[in-house]
Amino acid sequence: MPAEALEARKDKSYTSPQRKLVHFFEKSRDHWKAKCFDAKVTVKRLKNRVHFLARSKDHWKSRVKELETELARLQIREQDREAEIAILQKRLLNRRQR
């Protein structure tokens, strides 16, 4: 603090009784401490929530990739079976024509 500010604080005199000032200042201090504590709790809760959501997002991303891989594998398998069915149908048709 600059020297001028310290001097201004020293010269400041309160007209209220000291007991009332002490009560007022304690109440004021307790209020901002509680407000600060609540803010810290809120920040911690929100950080935890963000961490949880990030982990959940990563989990679901990996799950989607697994399912996409499985879907691609099943689609290839289905195409192979359809091709095999088409070949078998042609053979059956050729046998009937003989």
PDB file of N, CA and C in Angstrom:
ATOM      1  N   MET A   1       0.833  -1.183   0.000  1.00  0.00           N
ATOM      2  CA  MET A   1       0.000   0.000   0.000  1.00  0.00           C
ATOM      3  C   MET A   1       0.878   1.247   0.000  1.00  0.00           C
ATOM      4  N   PRO A   2       0.504   2.224  -0.757  1.00  0.00           N
ATOM      5  CA  PRO A   2       1.278   3.470  -0.736  1.00  0.00           C
ATOM      6  C   PRO A   2       1.200   4.136   0.640  1.00  0.00           C
ATOM      7  N   ALA A   3       2.171   4.946   0.930  1.00  0.00           N
ATOM      8  CA  ALA A   3       2.237   5.631   2.228  1.00  0.00           C
ATOM      9  C   ALA A   3       1.025   6.535   2.436  1.00  0.00           C
ATOM     10  N   GLU A   4       0.555   7.179   1.357  1.00  0.00           N
ATOM     11  CA  GLU A   4      -0.607   8.078   1.475  1.00  0.00           C
ATOM     12  C   GLU A   4      -1.847   7.314   1.925  1.00  0.00           C
ATOM     13  N   ALA A   5      -2.024   6.100   1.401  1.00  0.00           N
ATOM     14  CA  ALA A   5      -3.189   5.308   1.776  1.00  0.00           C
ATOM     15  C   ALA A   5      -3.119   4.915   3.239  1.00  0.00           C
ATOM     16  N   LEU A   6      -1.908   4.580   3.729  1.00  0.00           N
ATOM     17  CA  LEU A   6      -1.752   4.232   5.137  1.00  0.00           C
ATOM     18  C   LEU A   6      -2.057   5.426   6.038  1.00  0.00           C
ATOM     19  N   GLU A   7      -1.613   6.586   5.607  1.00  0.00           N
ATOM     20  CA  GLU A   7      -1.881   7.805   6.378  1.00  0.00           C
ATOM     21  C   GLU A   7      -3.377   8.091   6.424  1.00  0.00           C
ATOM     22  N   ALA A   8      -4.057   7.877   5.298  1.00  0.00           N
ATOM     23  CA  ALA A   8      -5.494   8.140   5.234  1.00  0.00           C
ATOM     24  C   ALA A   8      -6.239   7.195   6.173  1.00  0.00           C
ATOM     25  N   ARG A   9      -5.759   5.969   6.268  1.00  0.00           N
ATOM     26  CA  ARG A   9      -6.417   4.999   7.160  1.00  0.00           C
ATOM     27  C   ARG A   9      -6.200   5.378   8.627  1.00  0.00           C
ATOM     28  N   LYS A  10      -5.021   5.887   8.952  1.00  0.00           N
ATOM     29  CA  LYS A  10      -4.732   6.264  10.334  1.00  0.00           C
ATOM     30  C   LYS A  10      -5.589   7.449  10.769  1.00  0.00           C
ATOM     31  N   ASP A  11      -5.794   8.384   9.857  1.00  0.00           N
ATOM     32  CA  ASP A  11      -6.555   9.587  10.188  1.00  0.00           C
ATOM     33  C   ASP A  11      -8.051   9.328  10.248  1.00  0.00           C
ATOM     34  N   LYS A  12      -8.483   8.215   9.713  1.00  0.00           N
ATOM     35  CA  LYS A  12      -9.909   7.917   9.660  1.00  0.00           C
ATOM     36  C   LYS A  12     -10.418   7.624  11.066  1.00  0.00           C
ATOM     37  N   SER A  13     -11.424   8.311  11.473  1.00  0.00           N
ATOM     38  CA  SER A  13     -12.003   8.042  12.785  1.00  0.00           C
ATOM     39  C   SER A  13     -13.471   7.687  12.599  1.00  0.00           C
ATOM     40  N   TYR A  14     -13.911   6.725  13.360  1.00  0.00           N
ATOM     41  CA  TYR A  14     -15.291   6.279  13.280  1.00  0.00           C
ATOM     42  C   TYR A  14     -16.072   6.915  14.430  1.00  0.00           C
ATOM     43  N   THR A  15     -17.291   7.298  14.126  1.00  0.00           N
ATOM     44  CA  THR A  15     -18.110   7.935  15.154  1.00  0.00           C
ATOM     45  C   THR A  15     -18.933   6.921  15.932  1.00  0.00           C
ATOM     46  N   SER A  16     -19.112   5.715  15.378  1.00  0.00           N
ATOM     47  CA  SER A  16     -19.885   4.691  16.068  1.00  0.00           C
ATOM     48  C   SER A  16     -19.068   4.113  17.219  1.00  0.00           C
ATOM     49  N   PRO A  17     -19.742   3.561  18.202  1.00  0.00           N
ATOM     50  CA  PRO A  17     -19.017   2.928  19.309  1.00  0.00           C
ATOM     51  C   PRO A  17     -18.206   1.738  18.788  1.00  0.00           C
ATOM     52  N   GLN A  18     -17.091   1.485  19.426  1.00  0.00           N
ATOM     53  CA  GLN A  18     -16.184   0.450  18.974  1.00  0.00           C
ATOM     54  C   GLN A  18     -16.839  -0.933  19.002  1.00  0.00           C
ATOM     55  N   ARG A  19     -17.660  -1.232  19.974  1.00  0.00           N
ATOM     56  CA  ARG A  19     -18.320  -2.543  20.058  1.00  0.00           C
ATOM     57  C   ARG A  19     -19.208  -2.797  18.842  1.00  0.00           C
ATOM     58  N   LYS A  20     -19.876  -1.737  18.368  1.00  0.00           N
ATOM     59  CA  LYS A  20     -20.715  -1.881  17.182  1.00  0.00           C
ATOM     60  C   LYS A  20     -19.855  -2.076  15.930  1.00  0.00           C
ATOM     61  N   LEU A  21     -18.764  -1.338  15.863  1.00  0.00           N
ATOM     62  CA  LEU A  21     -17.870  -1.477  14.716  1.00  0.00           C
ATOM     63  C   LEU A  21     -17.270  -2.877  14.665  1.00  0.00           C
ATOM     64  N   VAL A  22     -16.862  -3.383  15.815  1.00  0.00           N
ATOM     65  CA  VAL A  22     -16.277  -4.725  15.864  1.00  0.00           C
ATOM     66  C   VAL A  22     -17.295  -5.741  15.364  1.00  0.00           C
ATOM     67  N   HIS A  23     -18.511  -5.637  15.834  1.00  0.00           N
ATOM     68  CA  HIS A  23     -19.574  -6.564  15.389  1.00  0.00           C
ATOM     69  C   HIS A  23     -19.800  -6.438  13.880  1.00  0.00           C
ATOM     70  N   PHE A  24     -19.852  -5.200  13.389  1.00  0.00           N
ATOM     71  CA  PHE A  24     -20.071  -4.971  11.958  1.00  0.00           C
ATOM     72  C   PHE A  24     -18.930  -5.556  11.128  1.00  0.00           C
ATOM     73  N   PHE A  25     -17.688  -5.300  11.543  1.00  0.00           N
ATOM     74  CA  PHE A  25     -16.535  -5.795  10.791  1.00  0.00           C
ATOM     75  C   PHE A  25     -16.442  -7.321  10.840  1.00  0.00           C
ATOM     76  N   GLU A  26     -16.760  -7.912  11.988  1.00  0.00           N
ATOM     77  CA  GLU A  26     -16.764  -9.381  12.082  1.00  0.00           C
ATOM     78  C   GLU A  26     -17.808  -9.976  11.150  1.00  0.00           C
ATOM     79  N   LYS A  27     -18.987  -9.364  11.165  1.00  0.00           N
ATOM     80  CA  LYS A  27     -20.071  -9.838  10.296  1.00  0.00           C
ATOM     81  C   LYS A  27     -19.675  -9.701   8.833  1.00  0.00           C
ATOM     82  N   SER A  28     -19.062  -8.584   8.480  1.00  0.00           N
ATOM     83  CA  SER A  28     -18.619  -8.357   7.116  1.00  0.00           C
ATOM     84  C   SER A  28     -17.575  -9.390   6.709  1.00  0.00           C
ATOM     85  N   ARG A  29     -16.593  -9.608   7.612  1.00  0.00           N
ATOM     86  CA  ARG A  29     -15.540 -10.602   7.335  1.00  0.00           C
ATOM     87  C   ARG A  29     -16.144 -11.999   7.178  1.00  0.00           C
ATOM     88  N   ASP A  30     -17.036 -12.361   8.083  1.00  0.00           N
ATOM     89  CA  ASP A  30     -17.657 -13.691   8.011  1.00  0.00           C
ATOM     90  C   ASP A  30     -18.458 -13.859   6.717  1.00  0.00           C
ATOM     91  N   HIS A  31     -19.083 -12.772   6.287  1.00  0.00           N
ATOM     92  CA  HIS A  31     -19.876 -12.829   5.049  1.00  0.00           C
ATOM     93  C   HIS A  31     -18.978 -13.093   3.841  1.00  0.00           C
ATOM     94  N   TRP A  32     -17.876 -12.349   3.709  1.00  0.00           N
ATOM     95  CA  TRP A  32     -17.027 -12.572   2.533  1.00  0.00           C
ATOM     96  C   TRP A  32     -16.296 -13.894   2.618  1.00  0.00           C
ATOM     97  N   LYS A  33     -15.998 -14.356   3.830  1.00  0.00           N
ATOM     98  CA  LYS A  33     -15.355 -15.671   3.955  1.00  0.00           C
ATOM     99  C   LYS A  33     -16.321 -16.775   3.514  1.00  0.00           C
ATOM    100  N   ALA A  34     -17.575 -16.659   3.944  1.00  0.00           N
ATOM    101  CA  ALA A  34     -18.580 -17.650   3.543  1.00  0.00           C
ATOM    102  C   ALA A  34     -18.796 -17.609   2.035  1.00  0.00           C
ATOM    103  N   LYS A  35     -18.838 -16.406   1.493  1.00  0.00           N
ATOM    104  CA  LYS A  35     -19.021 -16.241   0.048  1.00  0.00           C
ATOM    105  C   LYS A  35     -17.853 -16.875  -0.712  1.00  0.00           C
ATOM    106  N   CYS A  36     -16.642 -16.653  -0.221  1.00  0.00           N
ATOM    107  CA  CYS A  36     -15.446 -17.227  -0.848  1.00  0.00           C
ATOM    108  C   CYS A  36     -15.480 -18.751  -0.752  1.00  0.00           C
ATOM    109  N   PHE A  37     -15.852 -19.262   0.427  1.00  0.00           N
ATOM    110  CA  PHE A  37     -15.935 -20.711   0.619  1.00  0.00           C
ATOM    111  C   PHE A  37     -16.953 -21.329  -0.335  1.00  0.00           C
ATOM    112  N   ASP A  38     -18.125 -20.692  -0.452  1.00  0.00           N
ATOM    113  CA  ASP A  38     -19.160 -21.189  -1.377  1.00  0.00           C
ATOM    114  C   ASP A  38     -18.651 -21.194  -2.817  1.00  0.00           C
ATOM    115  N   ALA A  39     -17.921 -20.135  -3.171  1.00  0.00           N
ATOM    116  CA  ALA A  39     -17.380 -20.065  -4.535  1.00  0.00           C
ATOM    117  C   ALA A  39     -16.374 -21.187  -4.765  1.00  0.00           C
ATOM    118  N   LYS A  40     -15.530 -21.460  -3.769  1.00  0.00           N
ATOM    119  CA  LYS A  40     -14.551 -22.541  -3.906  1.00  0.00           C
ATOM    120  C   LYS A  40     -15.247 -23.892  -4.041  1.00  0.00           C
ATOM    121  N   VAL A  41     -16.290 -24.099  -3.258  1.00  0.00           N
ATOM    122  CA  VAL A  41     -17.043 -25.354  -3.341  1.00  0.00           C
ATOM    123  C   VAL A  41     -17.664 -25.495  -4.726  1.00  0.00           C
ATOM    124  N   THR A  42     -18.232 -24.417  -5.216  1.00  0.00           N
ATOM    125  CA  THR A  42     -18.854 -24.449  -6.543  1.00  0.00           C
ATOM    126  C   THR A  42     -17.810 -24.740  -7.621  1.00  0.00           C
ATOM    127  N   VAL A  43     -16.661 -24.091  -7.530  1.00  0.00           N
ATOM    128  CA  VAL A  43     -15.597 -24.317  -8.515  1.00  0.00           C
ATOM    129  C   VAL A  43     -15.154 -25.773  -8.474  1.00  0.00           C
ATOM    130  N   LYS A  44     -14.961 -26.312  -7.269  1.00  0.00           N
ATOM    131  CA  LYS A  44     -14.527 -27.704  -7.148  1.00  0.00           C
ATOM    132  C   LYS A  44     -15.581 -28.647  -7.728  1.00  0.00           C
ATOM    133  N   ARG A  45     -16.844 -28.400  -7.424  1.00  0.00           N
ATOM    134  CA  ARG A  45     -17.924 -29.241  -7.940  1.00  0.00           C
ATOM    135  C   ARG A  45     -17.951 -29.194  -9.466  1.00  0.00           C
ATOM    136  N   LEU A  46     -17.792 -27.999 -10.028  1.00  0.00           N
ATOM    137  CA  LEU A  46     -17.824 -27.861 -11.483  1.00  0.00           C
ATOM    138  C   LEU A  46     -16.607 -28.523 -12.131  1.00  0.00           C
ATOM    139  N   LYS A  47     -15.435 -28.409 -11.486  1.00  0.00           N
ATOM    140  CA  LYS A  47     -14.248 -29.084 -12.021  1.00  0.00           C
ATOM    141  C   LYS A  47     -14.443 -30.594 -12.014  1.00  0.00           C
ATOM    142  N   ASN A  48     -15.000 -31.103 -10.914  1.00  0.00           N
ATOM    143  CA  ASN A  48     -15.260 -32.540 -10.848  1.00  0.00           C
ATOM    144  C   ASN A  48     -16.246 -32.970 -11.925  1.00  0.00           C
ATOM    145  N   ARG A  49     -17.257 -32.165 -12.146  1.00  0.00           N
ATOM    146  CA  ARG A  49     -18.265 -32.474 -13.169  1.00  0.00           C
ATOM    147  C   ARG A  49     -17.623 -32.488 -14.560  1.00  0.00           C
ATOM    148  N   VAL A  50     -16.775 -31.495 -14.826  1.00  0.00           N
ATOM    149  CA  VAL A  50     -16.088 -31.431 -16.121  1.00  0.00           C
ATOM    150  C   VAL A  50     -15.210 -32.665 -16.299  1.00  0.00           C
ATOM    151  N   HIS A  51     -14.498 -33.047 -15.240  1.00  0.00           N
ATOM    152  CA  HIS A  51     -13.635 -34.237 -15.307  1.00  0.00           C
ATOM    153  C   HIS A  51     -14.471 -35.480 -15.590  1.00  0.00           C
ATOM    154  N   PHE A  52     -15.588 -35.623 -14.881  1.00  0.00           N
ATOM    155  CA  PHE A  52     -16.477 -36.766 -15.097  1.00  0.00           C
ATOM    156  C   PHE A  52     -17.003 -36.790 -16.526  1.00  0.00           C
ATOM    157  N   LEU A  53     -17.439 -35.646 -17.018  1.00  0.00           N
ATOM    158  CA  LEU A  53     -17.998 -35.581 -18.371  1.00  0.00           C
ATOM    159  C   LEU A  53     -16.938 -35.870 -19.429  1.00  0.00           C
ATOM    160  N   ALA A  54     -15.721 -35.418 -19.191  1.00  0.00           N
ATOM    161  CA  ALA A  54     -14.637 -35.694 -20.143  1.00  0.00           C
ATOM    162  C   ALA A  54     -14.354 -37.200 -20.187  1.00  0.00           C
ATOM    163  N   ARG A  55     -14.310 -37.847 -19.016  1.00  0.00           N
ATOM    164  CA  ARG A  55     -14.078 -39.294 -18.981  1.00  0.00           C
ATOM    165  C   ARG A  55     -15.229 -40.034 -19.655  1.00  0.00           C
ATOM    166  N   SER A  56     -16.451 -39.579 -19.392  1.00  0.00           N
ATOM    167  CA  SER A  56     -17.622 -40.211 -19.999  1.00  0.00           C
ATOM    168  C   SER A  56     -17.584 -40.059 -21.517  1.00  0.00           C
ATOM    169  N   LYS A  57     -17.213 -38.880 -21.973  1.00  0.00           N
ATOM    170  CA  LYS A  57     -17.124 -38.623 -23.417  1.00  0.00           C
ATOM    171  C   LYS A  57     -16.090 -39.547 -24.057  1.00  0.00           C
ATOM    172  N   ASP A  58     -14.933 -39.684 -23.414  1.00  0.00           N
ATOM    173  CA  ASP A  58     -13.893 -40.572 -23.939  1.00  0.00           C
ATOM    174  C   ASP A  58     -14.381 -42.021 -23.981  1.00  0.00           C
ATOM    175  N   HIS A  59     -15.090 -42.424 -22.926  1.00  0.00           N
ATOM    176  CA  HIS A  59     -15.626 -43.790 -22.881  1.00  0.00           C
ATOM    177  C   HIS A  59     -16.583 -44.034 -24.046  1.00  0.00           C
ATOM    178  N   TRP A  60     -17.514 -43.099 -24.249  1.00  0.00           N
ATOM    179  CA  TRP A  60     -18.503 -43.301 -25.303  1.00  0.00           C
ATOM    180  C   TRP A  60     -17.887 -43.190 -26.692  1.00  0.00           C
ATOM    181  N   LYS A  61     -16.849 -42.368 -26.834  1.00  0.00           N
ATOM    182  CA  LYS A  61     -16.152 -42.294 -28.124  1.00  0.00           C
ATOM    183  C   LYS A  61     -15.523 -43.640 -28.457  1.00  0.00           C
ATOM    184  N   SER A  62     -14.862 -44.244 -27.469  1.00  0.00           N
ATOM    185  CA  SER A  62     -14.227 -45.537 -27.730  1.00  0.00           C
ATOM    186  C   SER A  62     -15.284 -46.602 -27.982  1.00  0.00           C
ATOM    187  N   ARG A  63     -16.402 -46.522 -27.279  1.00  0.00           N
ATOM    188  CA  ARG A  63     -17.492 -47.491 -27.493  1.00  0.00           C
ATOM    189  C   ARG A  63     -18.048 -47.360 -28.906  1.00  0.00           C
ATOM    190  N   VAL A  64     -18.223 -46.140 -29.379  1.00  0.00           N
ATOM    191  CA  VAL A  64     -18.724 -45.901 -30.740  1.00  0.00           C
ATOM    192  C   VAL A  64     -17.741 -46.476 -31.760  1.00  0.00           C
ATOM    193  N   LYS A  65     -16.441 -46.258 -31.530  1.00  0.00           N
ATOM    194  CA  LYS A  65     -15.446 -46.798 -32.466  1.00  0.00           C
ATOM    195  C   LYS A  65     -15.507 -48.328 -32.502  1.00  0.00           C
ATOM    196  N   GLU A  66     -15.662 -48.950 -31.324  1.00  0.00           N
ATOM    197  CA  GLU A  66     -15.780 -50.413 -31.278  1.00  0.00           C
ATOM    198  C   GLU A  66     -16.996 -50.878 -32.074  1.00  0.00           C
ATOM    199  N   LEU A  67     -18.115 -50.204 -31.859  1.00  0.00           N
ATOM    200  CA  LEU A  67     -19.352 -50.600 -32.549  1.00  0.00           C
ATOM    201  C   LEU A  67     -19.255 -50.343 -34.053  1.00  0.00           C
ATOM    202  N   GLU A  68     -18.600 -49.250 -34.455  1.00  0.00           N
ATOM    203  CA  GLU A  68     -18.425 -48.986 -35.882  1.00  0.00           C
ATOM    204  C   GLU A  68     -17.564 -50.067 -36.526  1.00  0.00           C
ATOM    205  N   THR A  69     -16.522 -50.499 -35.812  1.00  0.00           N
ATOM    206  CA  THR A  69     -15.661 -51.565 -36.318  1.00  0.00           C
ATOM    207  C   THR A  69     -16.454 -52.862 -36.463  1.00  0.00           C
ATOM    208  N   GLU A  70     -17.249 -53.168 -35.447  1.00  0.00           N
ATOM    209  CA  GLU A  70     -18.064 -54.387 -35.492  1.00  0.00           C
ATOM    210  C   GLU A  70     -19.089 -54.308 -36.622  1.00  0.00           C
ATOM    211  N   LEU A  71     -19.690 -53.137 -36.799  1.00  0.00           N
ATOM    212  CA  LEU A  71     -20.674 -52.960 -37.872  1.00  0.00           C
ATOM    213  C   LEU A  71     -20.015 -53.179 -39.232  1.00  0.00           C
ATOM    214  N   ALA A  72     -18.835 -52.617 -39.423  1.00  0.00           N
ATOM    215  CA  ALA A  72     -18.135 -52.792 -40.700  1.00  0.00           C
ATOM    216  C   ALA A  72     -17.829 -54.269 -40.939  1.00  0.00           C
ATOM    217  N   ARG A  73     -17.398 -54.954 -39.886  1.00  0.00           N
ATOM    218  CA  ARG A  73     -17.096 -56.383 -40.007  1.00  0.00           C
ATOM    219  C   ARG A  73     -18.355 -57.173 -40.372  1.00  0.00           C
ATOM    220  N   LEU A  74     -19.474 -56.844 -39.726  1.00  0.00           N
ATOM    221  CA  LEU A  74     -20.726 -57.548 -40.014  1.00  0.00           C
ATOM    222  C   LEU A  74     -21.244 -57.237 -41.419  1.00  0.00           C
ATOM    223  N   GLN A  75     -21.042 -56.000 -41.872  1.00  0.00           N
ATOM    224  CA  GLN A  75     -21.482 -55.646 -43.228  1.00  0.00           C
ATOM    225  C   GLN A  75     -20.673 -56.427 -44.268  1.00  0.00           C
ATOM    226  N   ILE A  76     -19.379 -56.555 -44.037  1.00  0.00           N
ATOM    227  CA  ILE A  76     -18.542 -57.335 -44.957  1.00  0.00           C
ATOM    228  C   ILE A  76     -18.997 -58.791 -44.955  1.00  0.00           C
ATOM    229  N   ARG A  77     -19.274 -59.299 -43.759  1.00  0.00           N
ATOM    230  CA  ARG A  77     -19.746 -60.687 -43.638  1.00  0.00           C
ATOM    231  C   ARG A  77     -21.077 -60.879 -44.376  1.00  0.00           C
ATOM    232  N   GLU A  78     -21.970 -59.893 -44.261  1.00  0.00           N
ATOM    233  CA  GLU A  78     -23.263 -59.966 -44.947  1.00  0.00           C
ATOM    234  C   GLU A  78     -23.068 -59.943 -46.461  1.00  0.00           C
ATOM    235  N   GLN A  79     -22.170 -59.089 -46.938  1.00  0.00           N
ATOM    236  CA  GLN A  79     -21.900 -59.032 -48.379  1.00  0.00           C
ATOM    237  C   GLN A  79     -21.340 -60.360 -48.881  1.00  0.00           C
ATOM    238  N   ASP A  80     -20.444 -60.965 -48.102  1.00  0.00           N
ATOM    239  CA  ASP A  80     -19.881 -62.268 -48.485  1.00  0.00           C
ATOM    240  C   ASP A  80     -20.986 -63.322 -48.563  1.00  0.00           C
ATOM    241  N   ARG A  81     -21.875 -63.312 -47.601  1.00  0.00           N
ATOM    242  CA  ARG A  81     -22.969 -64.296 -47.602  1.00  0.00           C
ATOM    243  C   ARG A  81     -23.934 -64.057 -48.757  1.00  0.00           C
ATOM    244  N   GLU A  82     -24.202 -62.791 -49.048  1.00  0.00           N
ATOM    245  CA  GLU A  82     -25.076 -62.491 -50.181  1.00  0.00           C
ATOM    246  C   GLU A  82     -24.439 -62.953 -51.490  1.00  0.00           C
ATOM    247  N   ALA A  83     -23.138 -62.739 -51.583  1.00  0.00           N
ATOM    248  CA  ALA A  83     -22.423 -63.200 -52.782  1.00  0.00           C
ATOM    249  C   ALA A  83     -22.473 -64.725 -52.854  1.00  0.00           C
ATOM    250  N   GLU A  84     -22.299 -65.390 -51.728  1.00  0.00           N
ATOM    251  CA  GLU A  84     -22.353 -66.851 -51.686  1.00  0.00           C
ATOM    252  C   GLU A  84     -23.753 -67.355 -52.053  1.00  0.00           C
ATOM    253  N   ILE A  85     -24.778 -66.669 -51.583  1.00  0.00           N
ATOM    254  CA  ILE A  85     -26.157 -67.036 -51.920  1.00  0.00           C
ATOM    255  C   ILE A  85     -26.386 -66.867 -53.417  1.00  0.00           C
ATOM    256  N   ALA A  86     -25.879 -65.777 -53.974  1.00  0.00           N
ATOM    257  CA  ALA A  86     -26.044 -65.539 -55.411  1.00  0.00           C
ATOM    258  C   ALA A  86     -25.370 -66.654 -56.215  1.00  0.00           C
ATOM    259  N   ILE A  87     -24.182 -67.063 -55.790  1.00  0.00           N
ATOM    260  CA  ILE A  87     -23.470 -68.147 -56.483  1.00  0.00           C
ATOM    261  C   ILE A  87     -24.262 -69.445 -56.386  1.00  0.00           C
ATOM    262  N   LEU A  88     -24.775 -69.736 -55.192  1.00  0.00           N
ATOM    263  CA  LEU A  88     -25.548 -70.967 -55.005  1.00  0.00           C
ATOM    264  C   LEU A  88     -26.840 -70.940 -55.830  1.00  0.00           C
ATOM    265  N   GLN A  89     -27.474 -69.793 -55.943  1.00  0.00           N
ATOM    266  CA  GLN A  89     -28.690 -69.679 -56.735  1.00  0.00           C
ATOM    267  C   GLN A  89     -28.386 -69.918 -58.216  1.00  0.00           C
ATOM    268  N   LYS A  90     -27.247 -69.385 -58.689  1.00  0.00           N
ATOM    269  CA  LYS A  90     -26.865 -69.610 -60.084  1.00  0.00           C
ATOM    270  C   LYS A  90     -26.615 -71.093 -60.332  1.00  0.00           C
ATOM    271  N   ARG A  91     -25.935 -71.758 -59.395  1.00  0.00           N
ATOM    272  CA  ARG A  91     -25.671 -73.194 -59.543  1.00  0.00           C
ATOM    273  C   ARG A  91     -26.980 -73.980 -59.580  1.00  0.00           C
ATOM    274  N   LEU A  92     -27.894 -73.623 -58.685  1.00  0.00           N
ATOM    275  CA  LEU A  92     -29.176 -74.299 -58.636  1.00  0.00           C
ATOM    276  C   LEU A  92     -29.949 -74.084 -59.930  1.00  0.00           C
ATOM    277  N   LEU A  93     -29.916 -72.864 -60.430  1.00  0.00           N
ATOM    278  CA  LEU A  93     -30.606 -72.554 -61.684  1.00  0.00           C
ATOM    279  C   LEU A  93     -29.977 -73.327 -62.827  1.00  0.00           C
ATOM    280  N   ASN A  94     -28.660 -73.427 -62.874  1.00  0.00           N
ATOM    281  CA  ASN A  94     -27.964 -74.187 -63.935  1.00  0.00           C
ATOM    282  C   ASN A  94     -28.339 -75.661 -63.853  1.00  0.00           C
ATOM    283  N   ARG A  95     -28.431 -76.227 -62.657  1.00  0.00           N
ATOM    284  CA  ARG A  95     -28.795 -77.642 -62.496  1.00  0.00           C
ATOM    285  C   ARG A  95     -30.209 -77.886 -62.974  1.00  0.00           C
ATOM    286  N   ARG A  96     -31.113 -76.942 -62.687  1.00  0.00           N
ATOM    287  CA  ARG A  96     -32.517 -77.127 -63.107  1.00  0.00           C
ATOM    288  C   ARG A  96     -32.655 -77.061 -64.640  1.00  0.00           C
ATOM    289  N   GLN A  97     -31.787 -76.260 -65.265  1.00  0.00           N
ATOM    290  CA  GLN A  97     -31.886 -76.103 -66.715  1.00  0.00           C
ATOM    291  C   GLN A  97     -31.348 -77.340 -67.442  1.00  0.00           C
ATOM    292  N   ARG A  98     -30.577 -78.151 -66.815  1.00  0.00           N
ATOM    293  CA  ARG A  98     -30.005 -79.322 -67.485  1.00  0.00           C
ATOM    294  C   ARG A  98     -30.980 -80.381 -67.671  1.00  0.00           C
TER     295      ARG A  98
END
